[in-house]
Each structure stands twice: as C-alpha cells, then as structure tokens.
Amino acid sequence: LGRICLDILKDKWSPALQIRTVLLSIQALL
C-alpha cells in the first residue's frame, strides 16, 4: 500500500515533496 501511495504522489506532487515524503516514509519504518 505504501508503494502505491508513493506512486500516486510522484504523479501529482513536485520532486521536492516526493523526496520529503520518501524521507518521512523511511523514518516511519525506522
């Protein structure tokens, strides 16, 4: 589910927000 959400965000959001989302996702896993 997380990967699907990231794919949707990549399609709609700007690269900066994509990176921020990825970092938040990584922190959530940690």
Protein backbone atom coordinates (compact mmCIF):
# COMPACT_ATOMS: atom_id res chain seq x y z
CA LEU A 1 0.00 0.00 0.00
CA GLY A 2 2.86 2.39 0.81
CA ARG A 3 4.42 1.95 -2.61
CA ILE A 4 1.10 2.60 -4.33
CA CYS A 5 0.67 5.83 -2.34
CA LEU A 6 4.18 6.94 -3.28
CA ASP A 7 3.46 6.26 -6.96
CA ILE A 8 0.35 8.44 -6.78
CA LEU A 9 2.28 11.19 -5.01
CA LYS A 10 5.02 11.04 -7.65
CA ASP A 11 2.41 11.61 -10.35
CA LYS A 12 0.79 14.59 -8.60
CA TRP A 13 3.47 16.17 -6.40
CA SER A 14 6.63 18.08 -7.17
CA PRO A 15 10.05 16.38 -6.84
CA ALA A 16 10.79 18.24 -3.60
CA LEU A 17 7.63 16.90 -1.98
CA GLN A 18 8.41 13.44 -3.32
CA ILE A 19 11.78 13.43 -1.57
CA ARG A 20 10.21 14.71 1.63
CA THR A 21 7.55 12.01 1.51
CA VAL A 22 10.17 9.31 0.96
CA LEU A 23 12.20 10.55 3.91
CA LEU A 24 9.12 10.57 6.13
CA SER A 25 8.26 7.06 4.98
CA ILE A 26 11.77 5.83 5.82
CA GLN A 27 11.59 7.46 9.24
CA ALA A 28 8.23 5.80 9.84
CA LEU A 29 9.76 2.40 9.08
CA LEU A 30 12.63 3.12 11.47
